[in-house]
Amino acid sequence: MKIKKLLMVSLFLLILASVTMGLSYASSSEKISISSMKNYETFEKKIASIDRITSWDKKIWNNDYYKIKIKKAYQNKYKIHSIKCKYDDYAIGTFYKTVNGKNKKTITIYAYKNYYIKSMTVKFQTKEKIKSESIQFMGKPYKLIRDKGFRGKKSNVKVREKGYVSLKGQGNTYISYQKVNIKTTSKKNKINTIKALYYVMDEKLSETKTFNGKGKTTFTKVIKGNFDDMGSFLKAFKITYN
């Protein structure tokens, strides 16, 4: 009888130990939402190209700034003389601000008090005379590169997106390339599965893409397609760990 009781106790302890070990090795997961975003929008002209950079962090859009750059084929003959910016605001109407180009090949300027710059006229200094180009920021499709940051407790995610902004209809943004880089905050965190969560503008989940983390602490994946920001915006990740 005593032997039977001992066997039952031993069996109970064995089951308890196996359950405890199973719990200790049970997978955990976290949902990581977007925490920062930076847009690089490129507008091309014959002599110069302009990058408009906007950044978002913790629900705050920072001031736009612009990088005006003379293309390599023209850098020996052209220097930036001045930039005349046309601003458009509903409250105060249209006004202009001129920035000295200081005869540089590249210059960075910031939007005046975060007002919207509708267009620019860039004047170039040459040996013969001053030439100019005008850039309309609304009128033609333009290239877009976007960096997104996702900060979690066990992993941090960086995503670089490439695409363009179409001015047809509502001016939607289309993404054709996404590169996802994930790195865990500790070597103890082994990535099991990754779910990329895409949302429509009304916050409803529209699409999920699932990838195998293979038990590693880093993960890189290139996703190609045609994602419309209005209906398929990459906004969060759900990561499961071993």
Protein backbone atom coordinates (compact mmCIF):
# COMPACT_ATOMS: atom_id res chain seq x y z
CA MET A 1 0.00 0.00 0.00
CA LYS A 2 2.84 2.32 0.94
CA ILE A 3 4.60 1.48 -2.33
CA LYS A 4 1.42 2.32 -4.27
CA LYS A 5 1.14 5.69 -2.47
CA LEU A 6 4.79 6.42 -3.17
CA LEU A 7 4.27 5.61 -6.86
CA MET A 8 1.23 7.90 -7.01
CA VAL A 9 3.14 10.74 -5.31
CA SER A 10 6.08 10.22 -7.65
CA LEU A 11 3.78 10.24 -10.67
CA PHE A 12 2.08 13.44 -9.42
CA LEU A 13 5.46 15.15 -8.92
CA LEU A 14 6.58 14.06 -12.38
CA ILE A 15 3.43 15.50 -13.97
CA LEU A 16 3.83 18.72 -11.97
CA ALA A 17 7.46 19.02 -13.04
CA SER A 18 6.59 18.50 -16.71
CA VAL A 19 3.82 21.13 -16.54
CA THR A 20 6.16 23.58 -14.84
CA MET A 21 8.85 23.00 -17.47
CA GLY A 22 6.25 23.41 -20.20
CA LEU A 23 5.13 26.73 -18.74
CA SER A 24 8.70 27.94 -18.39
CA TYR A 25 9.31 27.24 -22.09
CA ALA A 26 5.88 28.44 -23.24
CA SER A 27 5.93 31.01 -26.00
CA SER A 28 5.14 34.66 -25.33
CA SER A 29 4.07 37.37 -27.74
CA GLU A 30 3.77 41.13 -28.08
CA LYS A 31 2.09 43.53 -30.46
CA ILE A 32 4.36 46.40 -31.51
CA SER A 33 2.69 49.46 -33.04
CA ILE A 34 4.36 52.15 -35.12
CA SER A 35 6.13 54.79 -32.99
CA SER A 36 7.91 56.98 -35.55
CA MET A 37 7.87 57.71 -39.26
CA LYS A 38 9.96 59.78 -41.67
CA ASN A 39 9.02 60.59 -45.27
CA TYR A 40 11.51 61.50 -48.01
CA GLU A 41 9.59 62.84 -51.02
CA THR A 42 11.66 63.54 -54.16
CA PHE A 43 10.72 66.07 -56.85
CA GLU A 44 12.84 66.02 -60.00
CA LYS A 45 13.65 68.90 -62.33
CA LYS A 46 16.26 69.17 -65.09
CA ILE A 47 18.99 70.93 -63.07
CA ALA A 48 17.98 70.29 -59.47
CA SER A 49 16.18 67.75 -57.35
CA ILE A 50 14.35 68.56 -54.13
CA ASP A 51 13.78 66.24 -51.20
CA ARG A 52 10.96 67.18 -48.85
CA ILE A 53 11.46 65.52 -45.47
CA THR A 54 8.72 65.24 -42.86
CA SER A 55 8.95 63.29 -39.62
CA TRP A 56 6.43 62.02 -37.11
CA ASP A 57 7.20 60.91 -33.57
CA LYS A 58 4.83 60.28 -30.67
CA LYS A 59 1.82 61.64 -32.58
CA ILE A 60 3.57 64.93 -33.45
CA TRP A 61 4.39 65.99 -37.01
CA ASN A 62 7.63 67.99 -37.06
CA ASN A 63 8.38 70.90 -39.38
CA ASP A 64 9.00 70.08 -43.03
CA TYR A 65 12.47 70.73 -44.33
CA TYR A 66 13.78 70.66 -47.88
CA LYS A 67 17.09 69.62 -49.39
CA ILE A 68 17.75 71.34 -52.73
CA LYS A 69 20.56 69.70 -54.66
CA ILE A 70 22.10 70.44 -58.05
CA LYS A 71 22.43 67.26 -60.09
CA LYS A 72 25.95 65.97 -60.77
CA ALA A 73 25.81 66.74 -64.48
CA TYR A 74 25.33 70.46 -63.71
CA GLN A 75 27.43 70.94 -60.56
CA ASN A 76 30.46 72.39 -62.39
CA LYS A 77 28.46 75.14 -64.08
CA TYR A 78 25.60 75.91 -61.67
CA LYS A 79 25.40 77.18 -58.08
CA ILE A 80 22.26 77.89 -56.07
CA HIS A 81 21.74 81.66 -56.00
CA SER A 82 18.37 81.87 -54.18
CA ILE A 83 15.13 80.03 -53.46
CA LYS A 84 11.81 81.85 -53.56
CA CYS A 85 9.14 79.91 -51.66
CA LYS A 86 5.42 80.40 -52.24
CA TYR A 87 3.37 79.65 -49.12
CA ASP A 88 -0.33 78.95 -49.08
CA ASP A 89 -2.40 79.14 -45.89
CA TYR A 90 -6.17 79.22 -45.44
CA ALA A 91 -6.04 81.81 -42.65
CA ILE A 92 -3.53 84.33 -44.01
CA GLY A 93 -3.58 83.55 -47.73
CA THR A 94 -0.58 83.45 -50.08
CA PHE A 95 2.80 84.95 -49.18
CA TYR A 96 6.44 84.58 -50.26
CA LYS A 97 9.79 84.09 -48.56
CA THR A 98 13.21 84.19 -50.25
CA VAL A 99 16.22 82.25 -48.99
CA ASN A 100 19.83 83.04 -49.93
CA GLY A 101 21.41 80.05 -51.68
CA LYS A 102 24.96 81.27 -50.91
CA ASN A 103 26.15 79.85 -54.25
CA LYS A 104 26.19 76.31 -52.85
CA LYS A 105 25.59 73.01 -54.64
CA THR A 106 23.30 71.77 -51.86
CA ILE A 107 21.23 73.68 -49.33
CA THR A 108 18.70 72.77 -46.64
CA ILE A 109 15.82 75.08 -45.76
CA TYR A 110 12.97 74.79 -43.26
CA ALA A 111 9.35 75.70 -43.86
CA TYR A 112 8.52 79.08 -42.33
CA LYS A 113 6.61 78.47 -39.06
CA ASN A 114 5.48 75.12 -40.46
CA TYR A 115 3.34 76.72 -43.18
CA TYR A 116 2.76 74.71 -46.34
CA ILE A 117 5.12 75.50 -49.25
CA LYS A 118 3.09 75.28 -52.43
CA SER A 119 5.94 75.87 -54.88
CA MET A 120 9.56 77.00 -55.19
CA THR A 121 11.55 78.94 -57.74
CA VAL A 122 15.23 78.07 -57.60
CA LYS A 123 17.65 80.54 -59.20
CA PHE A 124 21.08 79.36 -60.31
CA GLN A 125 24.25 81.39 -60.69
CA THR A 126 26.23 80.59 -63.86
CA LYS A 127 29.16 82.31 -65.57
CA GLU A 128 26.84 83.84 -68.14
CA LYS A 129 23.59 84.71 -66.36
CA ILE A 130 21.11 83.65 -63.67
CA LYS A 131 18.79 80.82 -64.68
CA SER A 132 15.80 79.43 -62.81
CA GLU A 133 13.53 76.40 -62.37
CA SER A 134 10.11 76.27 -60.75
CA ILE A 135 8.88 73.28 -58.77
CA GLN A 136 5.21 72.67 -58.03
CA PHE A 137 4.68 70.33 -55.09
CA MET A 138 1.20 69.45 -56.27
CA GLY A 139 0.78 68.63 -59.93
CA LYS A 140 2.77 65.50 -60.79
CA PRO A 141 3.38 62.12 -59.11
CA TYR A 142 6.57 62.00 -57.05
CA LYS A 143 8.85 59.38 -55.51
CA LEU A 144 8.62 58.41 -51.86
CA ILE A 145 10.99 56.72 -49.42
CA ARG A 146 9.63 56.16 -45.91
CA ASP A 147 11.30 54.91 -42.75
CA LYS A 148 9.09 53.49 -39.99
CA GLY A 149 10.11 52.66 -36.44
CA PHE A 150 8.40 50.18 -34.08
CA ARG A 151 9.66 50.00 -30.49
CA GLY A 152 8.66 47.04 -28.32
CA LYS A 153 9.73 45.51 -25.02
CA LYS A 154 11.41 42.46 -26.55
CA SER A 155 12.09 43.63 -30.11
CA ASN A 156 12.62 46.76 -32.18
CA VAL A 157 11.54 46.87 -35.81
CA LYS A 158 12.70 49.11 -38.66
CA VAL A 159 10.92 49.22 -42.01
CA ARG A 160 12.04 51.04 -45.15
CA GLU A 161 9.35 51.54 -47.79
CA LYS A 162 9.67 52.74 -51.39
CA GLY A 163 6.92 53.86 -53.71
CA TYR A 164 5.27 56.93 -55.16
CA VAL A 165 2.44 59.36 -54.53
CA SER A 166 -0.24 59.52 -57.20
CA LEU A 167 -2.17 62.74 -57.62
CA LYS A 168 -5.18 61.01 -59.15
CA GLY A 169 -8.31 60.78 -57.05
CA GLN A 170 -7.41 61.46 -53.42
CA GLY A 171 -3.67 61.45 -54.04
CA ASN A 172 -3.00 58.00 -52.64
CA THR A 173 0.41 56.67 -51.67
CA TYR A 174 1.43 53.37 -53.27
CA ILE A 175 4.21 51.25 -51.78
CA SER A 176 5.94 48.65 -53.98
CA TYR A 177 8.85 47.70 -51.69
CA GLN A 178 9.15 47.06 -47.94
CA LYS A 179 12.31 45.91 -46.13
CA VAL A 180 11.66 44.68 -42.57
CA ASN A 181 14.50 44.45 -40.03
CA ILE A 182 13.80 43.05 -36.56
CA LYS A 183 16.26 42.77 -33.69
CA THR A 184 15.45 41.48 -30.22
CA THR A 185 16.49 43.48 -27.16
CA SER A 186 18.00 40.36 -25.53
CA LYS A 187 19.66 37.19 -26.78
CA LYS A 188 17.18 35.27 -24.61
CA ASN A 189 14.33 36.35 -26.89
CA LYS A 190 14.15 33.95 -29.83
CA ILE A 191 11.75 34.91 -32.61
CA ASN A 192 9.23 32.22 -33.47
CA THR A 193 6.70 33.89 -35.79
CA ILE A 194 6.17 37.40 -37.14
CA LYS A 195 2.84 38.77 -38.29
CA ALA A 196 2.87 42.02 -40.27
CA LEU A 197 -0.46 43.78 -39.70
CA TYR A 198 -1.89 46.04 -42.40
CA TYR A 199 -4.78 48.41 -41.70
CA VAL A 200 -7.23 50.56 -43.63
CA MET A 201 -7.63 54.21 -42.69
CA ASP A 202 -10.61 53.53 -40.42
CA GLU A 203 -8.38 51.38 -38.18
CA LYS A 204 -9.76 48.02 -39.36
CA LEU A 205 -7.32 45.17 -39.97
CA SER A 206 -7.25 44.49 -43.70
CA GLU A 207 -4.38 42.05 -44.24
CA THR A 208 -1.89 39.88 -42.34
CA LYS A 209 1.41 38.46 -43.60
CA THR A 210 3.06 35.73 -41.51
CA PHE A 211 6.76 34.82 -41.48
CA ASN A 212 8.91 32.24 -39.68
CA GLY A 213 11.51 33.70 -37.31
CA LYS A 214 13.37 30.36 -37.11
CA GLY A 215 14.26 30.89 -33.44
CA LYS A 216 16.77 33.65 -34.20
CA THR A 217 17.34 37.05 -32.56
CA THR A 218 17.33 38.94 -35.88
CA PHE A 219 15.05 38.83 -38.90
CA THR A 220 15.20 40.50 -42.33
CA LYS A 221 12.58 40.26 -45.05
CA VAL A 222 11.89 42.11 -48.29
CA ILE A 223 8.20 42.33 -49.21
CA LYS A 224 7.24 43.36 -52.73
CA GLY A 225 3.76 44.21 -53.93
CA ASN A 226 1.46 47.16 -54.52
CA PHE A 227 0.19 48.44 -51.19
CA ASP A 228 -2.20 51.37 -51.05
CA ASP A 229 -1.85 53.43 -47.85
CA MET A 230 -5.60 54.02 -47.77
CA GLY A 231 -6.43 50.34 -47.61
CA SER A 232 -3.22 48.54 -46.66
CA PHE A 233 -1.01 50.55 -44.31
CA LEU A 234 1.67 48.59 -42.39
CA LYS A 235 0.96 49.76 -38.86
CA ALA A 236 1.97 47.00 -36.41
CA PHE A 237 3.68 43.67 -35.87
CA LYS A 238 2.72 40.75 -33.66
CA ILE A 239 5.80 38.76 -32.71
CA THR A 240 5.80 35.39 -30.92
CA TYR A 241 8.91 34.25 -29.03
CA ASN A 242 10.11 30.79 -28.04
